N, C-alpha and C. Protein backbone atom coordinates (compact mmCIF):
# COMPACT_ATOMS: atom_id res chain seq x y z
N UNK A 1 -29.63 -15.57 -0.98
CA UNK A 1 -28.28 -15.17 -0.64
C UNK A 1 -27.79 -16.10 0.47
N UNK A 2 -26.75 -16.86 0.18
CA UNK A 2 -26.15 -17.79 1.14
C UNK A 2 -24.70 -17.38 1.36
N UNK A 3 -24.48 -16.48 2.30
CA UNK A 3 -23.14 -15.94 2.51
C UNK A 3 -22.56 -16.47 3.81
N UNK A 4 -21.26 -16.87 3.74
CA UNK A 4 -20.56 -17.34 4.93
C UNK A 4 -19.09 -16.93 4.82
N UNK A 5 -18.38 -17.08 5.91
CA UNK A 5 -16.96 -16.74 5.95
C UNK A 5 -16.20 -17.59 4.92
N UNK A 6 -15.28 -16.98 4.19
CA UNK A 6 -14.49 -17.69 3.18
C UNK A 6 -13.30 -18.34 3.89
N UNK A 7 -13.18 -19.68 3.73
CA UNK A 7 -12.12 -20.41 4.42
C UNK A 7 -11.18 -21.15 3.49
N UNK A 8 -11.58 -21.39 2.24
CA UNK A 8 -10.76 -22.17 1.33
C UNK A 8 -10.55 -21.42 0.02
N UNK A 9 -9.56 -21.91 -0.74
CA UNK A 9 -9.30 -21.33 -2.07
C UNK A 9 -10.53 -21.48 -2.98
N UNK A 10 -11.20 -22.61 -2.88
CA UNK A 10 -12.38 -22.85 -3.72
C UNK A 10 -13.50 -21.87 -3.37
N UNK A 11 -13.73 -21.66 -2.07
CA UNK A 11 -14.75 -20.69 -1.65
C UNK A 11 -14.37 -19.28 -2.10
N UNK A 12 -13.09 -18.99 -2.03
CA UNK A 12 -12.59 -17.68 -2.47
C UNK A 12 -12.86 -17.49 -3.97
N UNK A 13 -12.53 -18.50 -4.77
CA UNK A 13 -12.75 -18.43 -6.22
C UNK A 13 -14.24 -18.27 -6.53
N UNK A 14 -15.08 -19.01 -5.82
CA UNK A 14 -16.52 -18.91 -6.03
C UNK A 14 -17.05 -17.52 -5.65
N UNK A 15 -16.52 -16.98 -4.56
CA UNK A 15 -16.94 -15.65 -4.12
C UNK A 15 -16.54 -14.59 -5.15
N UNK A 16 -15.33 -14.70 -5.69
CA UNK A 16 -14.90 -13.76 -6.73
C UNK A 16 -15.78 -13.86 -7.97
N UNK A 17 -16.12 -15.07 -8.35
CA UNK A 17 -16.97 -15.28 -9.52
C UNK A 17 -18.35 -14.66 -9.29
N UNK A 18 -18.91 -14.92 -8.11
CA UNK A 18 -20.24 -14.37 -7.80
C UNK A 18 -20.21 -12.85 -7.75
N UNK A 19 -19.17 -12.29 -7.15
CA UNK A 19 -19.06 -10.83 -7.07
C UNK A 19 -18.97 -10.23 -8.47
N UNK A 20 -18.25 -10.89 -9.35
CA UNK A 20 -18.15 -10.41 -10.72
C UNK A 20 -19.53 -10.38 -11.39
N UNK A 21 -20.36 -11.37 -11.08
CA UNK A 21 -21.70 -11.45 -11.67
C UNK A 21 -22.64 -10.34 -11.19
N UNK A 22 -22.50 -9.95 -9.93
CA UNK A 22 -23.46 -8.99 -9.35
C UNK A 22 -22.84 -7.63 -9.03
N UNK A 23 -21.63 -7.41 -9.51
CA UNK A 23 -20.88 -6.19 -9.16
C UNK A 23 -21.64 -4.91 -9.45
N UNK A 24 -22.37 -4.85 -10.55
CA UNK A 24 -23.05 -3.62 -10.95
C UNK A 24 -24.51 -3.56 -10.50
N UNK A 25 -24.87 -4.37 -9.54
CA UNK A 25 -26.25 -4.36 -9.03
C UNK A 25 -26.52 -3.04 -8.30
N UNK A 26 -27.74 -2.55 -8.35
CA UNK A 26 -28.08 -1.32 -7.62
C UNK A 26 -27.79 -1.47 -6.12
N UNK A 27 -27.33 -0.41 -5.52
CA UNK A 27 -26.90 -0.46 -4.11
C UNK A 27 -28.03 -0.87 -3.16
N UNK A 28 -29.23 -0.47 -3.40
CA UNK A 28 -30.34 -0.75 -2.48
C UNK A 28 -31.15 -1.97 -2.89
N UNK A 29 -30.50 -2.91 -3.55
CA UNK A 29 -31.18 -4.13 -3.96
C UNK A 29 -30.60 -5.32 -3.19
N UNK A 30 -31.29 -6.45 -3.17
CA UNK A 30 -30.73 -7.63 -2.50
C UNK A 30 -29.37 -8.03 -3.08
N UNK A 31 -29.22 -7.96 -4.41
CA UNK A 31 -27.92 -8.28 -5.01
C UNK A 31 -26.86 -7.24 -4.67
N UNK A 32 -27.27 -6.00 -4.54
CA UNK A 32 -26.32 -4.96 -4.12
C UNK A 32 -25.81 -5.21 -2.72
N UNK A 33 -26.72 -5.60 -1.81
CA UNK A 33 -26.32 -5.94 -0.45
C UNK A 33 -25.39 -7.15 -0.44
N UNK A 34 -25.72 -8.14 -1.27
CA UNK A 34 -24.88 -9.34 -1.37
C UNK A 34 -23.48 -8.97 -1.87
N UNK A 35 -23.41 -8.10 -2.87
CA UNK A 35 -22.12 -7.68 -3.42
C UNK A 35 -21.28 -6.98 -2.35
N UNK A 36 -21.92 -6.14 -1.56
CA UNK A 36 -21.20 -5.43 -0.49
C UNK A 36 -20.65 -6.41 0.55
N UNK A 37 -21.46 -7.37 0.95
CA UNK A 37 -21.01 -8.37 1.91
C UNK A 37 -19.90 -9.25 1.34
N UNK A 38 -20.06 -9.67 0.10
CA UNK A 38 -19.02 -10.48 -0.53
C UNK A 38 -17.70 -9.73 -0.61
N UNK A 39 -17.76 -8.46 -0.95
CA UNK A 39 -16.54 -7.66 -1.04
C UNK A 39 -15.82 -7.62 0.31
N UNK A 40 -16.57 -7.47 1.39
CA UNK A 40 -15.97 -7.46 2.73
C UNK A 40 -15.34 -8.81 3.08
N UNK A 41 -16.05 -9.89 2.75
CA UNK A 41 -15.53 -11.23 3.04
C UNK A 41 -14.29 -11.54 2.20
N UNK A 42 -14.30 -11.13 0.95
CA UNK A 42 -13.14 -11.33 0.07
C UNK A 42 -11.95 -10.54 0.59
N UNK A 43 -12.19 -9.31 1.00
CA UNK A 43 -11.11 -8.48 1.54
C UNK A 43 -10.51 -9.12 2.79
N UNK A 44 -11.35 -9.63 3.67
CA UNK A 44 -10.88 -10.29 4.89
C UNK A 44 -10.02 -11.51 4.54
N UNK A 45 -10.49 -12.32 3.61
CA UNK A 45 -9.74 -13.51 3.21
C UNK A 45 -8.39 -13.12 2.60
N UNK A 46 -8.38 -12.12 1.73
CA UNK A 46 -7.13 -11.69 1.10
C UNK A 46 -6.16 -11.11 2.12
N UNK A 47 -6.66 -10.33 3.07
CA UNK A 47 -5.79 -9.77 4.10
C UNK A 47 -5.11 -10.86 4.92
N UNK A 48 -5.85 -11.93 5.19
CA UNK A 48 -5.31 -13.02 6.00
C UNK A 48 -4.40 -13.95 5.21
N UNK A 49 -4.68 -14.14 3.93
CA UNK A 49 -3.96 -15.14 3.15
C UNK A 49 -2.97 -14.58 2.15
N UNK A 50 -3.08 -13.32 1.82
CA UNK A 50 -2.17 -12.70 0.86
C UNK A 50 -1.69 -11.34 1.39
N UNK A 51 -1.06 -11.33 2.57
CA UNK A 51 -0.65 -10.04 3.14
C UNK A 51 0.42 -9.37 2.27
N UNK A 52 0.33 -8.07 2.20
CA UNK A 52 1.30 -7.28 1.46
C UNK A 52 2.10 -6.47 2.47
N UNK A 53 3.39 -6.75 2.51
CA UNK A 53 4.24 -6.03 3.45
C UNK A 53 4.57 -4.65 2.90
N UNK A 54 4.66 -3.71 3.80
CA UNK A 54 5.02 -2.35 3.39
C UNK A 54 6.49 -2.35 2.93
N UNK A 55 6.81 -1.51 1.96
CA UNK A 55 8.21 -1.46 1.51
C UNK A 55 9.09 -0.84 2.59
N UNK A 56 10.37 -1.14 2.52
CA UNK A 56 11.27 -0.49 3.47
C UNK A 56 11.39 0.98 3.10
N UNK A 57 11.91 1.81 3.98
CA UNK A 57 11.96 3.26 3.74
C UNK A 57 12.64 3.65 2.43
N UNK A 58 13.73 2.97 2.09
CA UNK A 58 14.46 3.32 0.87
C UNK A 58 13.60 3.05 -0.36
N UNK A 59 12.95 1.90 -0.38
CA UNK A 59 12.09 1.56 -1.52
C UNK A 59 10.89 2.51 -1.59
N UNK A 60 10.36 2.92 -0.43
CA UNK A 60 9.25 3.88 -0.41
C UNK A 60 9.68 5.22 -1.00
N UNK A 61 10.87 5.67 -0.66
CA UNK A 61 11.39 6.93 -1.20
C UNK A 61 11.58 6.82 -2.71
N UNK A 62 12.21 5.73 -3.16
CA UNK A 62 12.45 5.55 -4.59
C UNK A 62 11.13 5.49 -5.37
N UNK A 63 10.15 4.79 -4.82
CA UNK A 63 8.85 4.68 -5.47
C UNK A 63 8.19 6.05 -5.60
N UNK A 64 8.22 6.81 -4.51
CA UNK A 64 7.60 8.14 -4.54
C UNK A 64 8.34 9.08 -5.48
N UNK A 65 9.68 8.96 -5.51
CA UNK A 65 10.46 9.77 -6.45
C UNK A 65 10.05 9.47 -7.89
N UNK A 66 9.86 8.20 -8.18
CA UNK A 66 9.45 7.80 -9.52
C UNK A 66 8.07 8.38 -9.85
N UNK A 67 7.15 8.31 -8.89
CA UNK A 67 5.81 8.86 -9.11
C UNK A 67 5.86 10.36 -9.38
N UNK A 68 6.76 11.03 -8.69
CA UNK A 68 6.85 12.49 -8.81
C UNK A 68 7.83 12.92 -9.90
N UNK A 69 8.44 11.94 -10.59
CA UNK A 69 9.45 12.22 -11.61
C UNK A 69 10.55 13.11 -11.02
N UNK A 70 11.05 12.71 -9.86
CA UNK A 70 12.02 13.50 -9.11
C UNK A 70 13.43 12.95 -9.31
N UNK A 71 14.41 13.83 -9.37
CA UNK A 71 15.81 13.43 -9.50
C UNK A 71 16.46 13.33 -8.12
N UNK A 72 17.63 12.71 -8.09
CA UNK A 72 18.39 12.64 -6.83
C UNK A 72 18.77 14.04 -6.34
N UNK A 73 19.04 14.94 -7.28
CA UNK A 73 19.39 16.31 -6.91
C UNK A 73 18.21 16.99 -6.19
N UNK A 74 17.00 16.76 -6.70
CA UNK A 74 15.81 17.33 -6.06
C UNK A 74 15.59 16.71 -4.69
N UNK A 75 15.87 15.42 -4.57
CA UNK A 75 15.75 14.77 -3.27
C UNK A 75 16.78 15.34 -2.29
N UNK A 76 17.96 15.65 -2.79
CA UNK A 76 19.00 16.24 -1.94
C UNK A 76 18.53 17.55 -1.32
N UNK A 77 17.71 18.31 -2.03
CA UNK A 77 17.16 19.55 -1.48
C UNK A 77 16.23 19.28 -0.32
N UNK A 78 15.63 18.09 -0.28
CA UNK A 78 14.70 17.75 0.78
C UNK A 78 15.44 17.19 2.00
N UNK A 79 16.45 16.33 1.76
CA UNK A 79 17.11 15.69 2.90
C UNK A 79 18.42 16.35 3.31
N UNK A 80 18.91 17.30 2.54
CA UNK A 80 20.07 18.05 3.01
C UNK A 80 21.23 18.11 2.05
N UNK A 81 21.85 16.99 1.75
CA UNK A 81 23.06 16.99 0.94
C UNK A 81 22.97 15.93 -0.16
N UNK A 82 23.63 16.22 -1.30
CA UNK A 82 23.64 15.26 -2.39
C UNK A 82 24.36 13.98 -1.98
N UNK A 83 25.43 14.12 -1.23
CA UNK A 83 26.17 12.93 -0.79
C UNK A 83 25.32 12.06 0.14
N UNK A 84 24.42 12.67 0.87
CA UNK A 84 23.53 11.91 1.78
C UNK A 84 22.60 11.00 0.99
N UNK A 85 22.13 11.47 -0.16
CA UNK A 85 21.23 10.65 -0.98
C UNK A 85 21.92 9.34 -1.35
N UNK A 86 23.14 9.43 -1.82
CA UNK A 86 23.91 8.24 -2.19
C UNK A 86 24.14 7.33 -0.99
N UNK A 87 24.52 7.91 0.13
CA UNK A 87 24.77 7.11 1.34
C UNK A 87 23.50 6.41 1.82
N UNK A 88 22.38 7.10 1.75
CA UNK A 88 21.10 6.52 2.19
C UNK A 88 20.67 5.43 1.22
N UNK A 89 20.75 5.69 -0.08
CA UNK A 89 20.34 4.69 -1.06
C UNK A 89 21.23 3.45 -1.02
N UNK A 90 22.49 3.63 -0.65
CA UNK A 90 23.41 2.49 -0.51
C UNK A 90 23.35 1.87 0.89
N UNK A 91 22.43 2.38 1.70
CA UNK A 91 22.17 1.88 3.06
C UNK A 91 23.39 1.99 3.98
N UNK A 92 24.20 3.01 3.73
CA UNK A 92 25.36 3.27 4.59
C UNK A 92 25.05 4.29 5.66
N UNK A 93 23.92 4.97 5.52
CA UNK A 93 23.50 5.97 6.49
C UNK A 93 22.00 5.83 6.71
N UNK A 94 21.59 5.95 7.95
CA UNK A 94 20.16 5.89 8.30
C UNK A 94 19.53 7.26 8.13
N UNK A 95 18.23 7.26 7.93
CA UNK A 95 17.47 8.51 7.88
C UNK A 95 17.43 9.13 9.27
N UNK A 96 17.60 10.43 9.34
CA UNK A 96 17.47 11.13 10.62
C UNK A 96 16.01 11.54 10.80
N UNK A 97 15.66 11.94 12.00
CA UNK A 97 14.29 12.39 12.24
C UNK A 97 13.94 13.61 11.40
N UNK A 98 14.91 14.50 11.22
CA UNK A 98 14.67 15.69 10.39
C UNK A 98 14.41 15.28 8.94
N UNK A 99 15.19 14.33 8.43
CA UNK A 99 14.98 13.85 7.06
C UNK A 99 13.60 13.21 6.93
N UNK A 100 13.23 12.39 7.90
CA UNK A 100 11.93 11.72 7.88
C UNK A 100 10.80 12.74 7.86
N UNK A 101 10.92 13.76 8.69
CA UNK A 101 9.91 14.81 8.74
C UNK A 101 9.80 15.52 7.40
N UNK A 102 10.94 15.87 6.81
CA UNK A 102 10.94 16.55 5.51
C UNK A 102 10.35 15.66 4.40
N UNK A 103 10.72 14.38 4.40
CA UNK A 103 10.20 13.46 3.39
C UNK A 103 8.69 13.31 3.51
N UNK A 104 8.22 13.26 4.74
CA UNK A 104 6.78 13.16 4.97
C UNK A 104 6.06 14.43 4.50
N UNK A 105 6.57 15.57 4.89
CA UNK A 105 5.90 16.84 4.56
C UNK A 105 6.00 17.21 3.09
N UNK A 106 7.14 16.95 2.46
CA UNK A 106 7.34 17.42 1.09
C UNK A 106 7.03 16.37 0.03
N UNK A 107 7.04 15.09 0.42
CA UNK A 107 6.77 14.05 -0.56
C UNK A 107 5.54 13.21 -0.20
N UNK A 108 4.94 13.53 0.93
CA UNK A 108 3.74 12.82 1.40
C UNK A 108 3.96 11.31 1.56
N UNK A 109 5.13 10.94 2.03
CA UNK A 109 5.41 9.53 2.33
C UNK A 109 4.96 9.31 3.77
N UNK A 110 4.15 8.30 4.02
CA UNK A 110 3.66 8.07 5.39
C UNK A 110 4.80 7.81 6.37
N UNK A 111 4.63 8.34 7.57
CA UNK A 111 5.64 8.12 8.61
C UNK A 111 5.89 6.64 8.84
N UNK A 112 4.82 5.82 8.76
CA UNK A 112 4.95 4.39 9.00
C UNK A 112 5.94 3.76 8.05
N UNK A 113 5.96 4.20 6.80
CA UNK A 113 6.90 3.67 5.83
C UNK A 113 8.33 4.14 6.10
N UNK A 114 8.47 5.35 6.56
CA UNK A 114 9.80 5.91 6.77
C UNK A 114 10.44 5.45 8.08
N UNK A 115 9.64 5.04 9.03
CA UNK A 115 10.16 4.66 10.34
C UNK A 115 10.46 3.16 10.48
N UNK A 116 10.08 2.35 9.49
CA UNK A 116 10.31 0.92 9.62
C UNK A 116 11.79 0.59 9.44
N UNK A 117 12.17 -0.58 9.94
CA UNK A 117 13.56 -1.01 9.88
C UNK A 117 13.97 -1.32 8.44
N UNK A 118 15.25 -1.10 8.16
CA UNK A 118 15.81 -1.48 6.85
C UNK A 118 17.27 -1.79 7.02
């Protein structure tokens, strides 16, 4: 096992290939340990080189609504008024703290997503 920090695209590709080869190795075997280490190194490389930004609050709400098969009318019951849904989706009105709290509690949207700028 020759493991080192992944610094280049070529090393990244090689690490992915090797992980694919040993992915199903038993956990308490040398290959299992190697797979675990490679996964951590690959994750570190991806976090540094392919960051994924969190969606803005409006996109987070729309995504969660889609997951829950929720209508705008149902969302209006959570944030207060039907007209507010339209204003918020058109970015003419900001979310209030009460709306954020309700969205978090009733739709399980993380506060971090709801509090970011948009």
